[in-house]
Amino acid sequence: MLMGATTLAGDTICDHDGNSLGELKEIMLDTRTGRIAYAVLSSGSYLDPAVKLFAVPWRALRLDPVNKRFVLDVSKAQLDSAPGFDRDHWPDLADQAWANQIHSYYGTTPYYDRPLQSS
């Protein structure tokens, strides 16, 4: 299935019970490899200056096309404890030490550690 990235922005991200964790704000691409690296999840209203953002490894999400949402297998409490940032102070998403911390938290294999598939 192919979908335009802009059609996914604003989609809800839920836990496995269907409770909203936030919404998809950005899809971050690694331009060197062409891979989707992260989904940026917003945990509150974007108008709220205290809104917290989370870079979630793309492979930690599962698309639920029937309900037009993504599922992330963490609880609200786990998300609240996850490494996050505010909209004015983004981390260096290309920093491998930071990326390793994020992938470790969500239990995913970093996309840069997986070989590219050949066509």
Protein backbone atom coordinates (compact mmCIF):
# COMPACT_ATOMS: atom_id res chain seq x y z
CA MET A 1 0.00 0.00 0.00
CA LEU A 2 1.30 3.47 -0.86
CA MET A 3 0.06 6.64 0.81
CA GLY A 4 1.11 10.26 0.60
CA ALA A 5 2.88 11.51 3.71
CA THR A 6 0.62 14.56 3.91
CA THR A 7 -2.44 12.31 4.16
CA LEU A 8 -0.97 10.81 7.35
CA ALA A 9 -0.18 14.09 9.14
CA GLY A 10 -2.78 14.72 11.80
CA ASP A 11 -3.69 11.05 12.16
CA THR A 12 -4.26 9.84 15.70
CA ILE A 13 -1.70 7.62 17.37
CA CYS A 14 -3.30 5.27 19.91
CA ASP A 15 -2.19 2.65 22.35
CA HIS A 16 -3.18 -0.99 21.75
CA ASP A 17 -6.50 -0.39 23.59
CA GLY A 18 -7.47 2.46 21.26
CA ASN A 19 -6.76 5.28 23.73
CA SER A 20 -5.31 8.36 22.06
CA LEU A 21 -1.66 9.11 22.77
CA GLY A 22 -1.52 12.10 20.45
CA GLU A 23 -1.27 12.83 16.77
CA LEU A 24 1.25 12.49 13.99
CA LYS A 25 2.86 15.86 13.29
CA GLU A 26 5.83 15.03 11.05
CA ILE A 27 7.39 12.14 9.20
CA MET A 28 11.18 12.34 9.28
CA LEU A 29 13.10 10.91 6.32
CA ASP A 30 16.75 9.94 6.17
CA THR A 31 17.61 11.60 2.87
CA ARG A 32 20.82 9.57 2.50
CA THR A 33 18.99 6.23 2.45
CA GLY A 34 15.43 7.24 1.53
CA ARG A 35 14.11 5.48 4.63
CA ILE A 36 11.46 6.78 6.99
CA ALA A 37 13.25 7.19 10.29
CA TYR A 38 10.74 8.63 12.77
CA ALA A 39 7.21 9.79 13.26
CA VAL A 40 6.96 12.90 15.40
CA LEU A 41 4.08 12.51 17.82
CA SER A 42 2.49 15.51 19.52
CA SER A 43 1.04 14.71 22.94
CA GLY A 44 -1.22 17.72 23.24
CA SER A 45 -2.76 20.65 21.44
CA TYR A 46 -0.23 22.24 19.12
CA LEU A 47 -1.47 25.66 20.31
CA ASP A 48 -0.39 24.78 23.85
CA PRO A 49 3.15 26.16 24.38
CA ALA A 50 3.91 23.24 26.73
CA VAL A 51 3.07 20.56 24.17
CA LYS A 52 5.57 17.71 24.23
CA LEU A 53 6.86 16.08 21.06
CA PHE A 54 8.29 12.58 20.70
CA ALA A 55 10.34 11.09 17.88
CA VAL A 56 9.00 7.55 17.63
CA PRO A 57 10.84 5.02 15.47
CA TRP A 58 8.74 4.40 12.38
CA ARG A 59 8.94 0.65 12.92
CA ALA A 60 7.36 1.02 16.38
CA LEU A 61 4.11 2.11 14.71
CA ARG A 62 1.48 -0.06 13.09
CA LEU A 63 -1.01 1.44 10.65
CA ASP A 64 -4.69 0.74 11.34
CA PRO A 65 -6.18 1.75 7.97
CA VAL A 66 -9.75 0.83 8.95
CA ASN A 67 -9.78 3.40 11.77
CA LYS A 68 -7.36 5.81 10.03
CA ARG A 69 -4.86 5.82 12.89
CA PHE A 70 -1.55 4.43 14.01
CA VAL A 71 -1.05 2.08 16.94
CA LEU A 72 1.96 2.39 19.23
CA ASP A 73 2.39 -0.39 21.77
CA VAL A 74 3.07 1.81 24.81
CA SER A 75 0.81 3.14 27.54
CA LYS A 76 0.20 6.84 28.15
CA ALA A 77 2.45 6.59 31.25
CA GLN A 78 5.25 5.02 29.18
CA LEU A 79 4.93 7.75 26.56
CA ASP A 80 5.00 10.45 29.25
CA SER A 81 8.30 8.96 30.48
CA ALA A 82 9.80 8.68 26.99
CA PRO A 83 12.55 11.03 25.82
CA GLY A 84 10.78 14.02 24.32
CA PHE A 85 11.33 17.62 23.33
CA ASP A 86 9.44 20.85 22.81
CA ARG A 87 8.68 22.40 19.45
CA ASP A 88 11.35 25.09 19.82
CA HIS A 89 14.18 22.75 20.88
CA TRP A 90 14.41 19.73 18.61
CA PRO A 91 17.20 17.23 19.22
CA ASP A 92 19.75 16.42 16.56
CA LEU A 93 17.82 13.54 14.99
CA ALA A 94 20.93 12.49 13.06
CA ASP A 95 22.96 12.01 16.28
CA GLN A 96 23.52 8.26 16.57
CA ALA A 97 23.81 8.29 20.39
CA TRP A 98 20.43 10.04 20.63
CA ALA A 99 18.93 7.65 18.05
CA ASN A 100 20.23 4.60 19.91
CA GLN A 101 18.55 5.86 23.09
CA ILE A 102 15.23 6.30 21.27
CA HIS A 103 15.36 2.88 19.61
CA SER A 104 16.32 1.26 22.90
CA TYR A 105 13.38 2.93 24.68
CA TYR A 106 10.86 1.68 22.12
CA GLY A 107 12.53 -1.72 21.66
CA THR A 108 13.18 -1.33 17.94
CA THR A 109 16.19 -2.10 15.79
CA PRO A 110 17.57 1.14 14.38
CA TYR A 111 16.71 1.50 10.71
CA TYR A 112 20.39 2.29 9.98
CA ASP A 113 21.41 -1.12 11.39
CA ARG A 114 19.21 -2.99 8.90
CA PRO A 115 20.52 -3.62 5.40
CA LEU A 116 18.83 -1.87 2.51
CA GLN A 117 16.73 -4.23 0.44
CA SER A 118 17.76 -4.50 -3.17
CA SER A 119 15.17 -4.21 -5.91
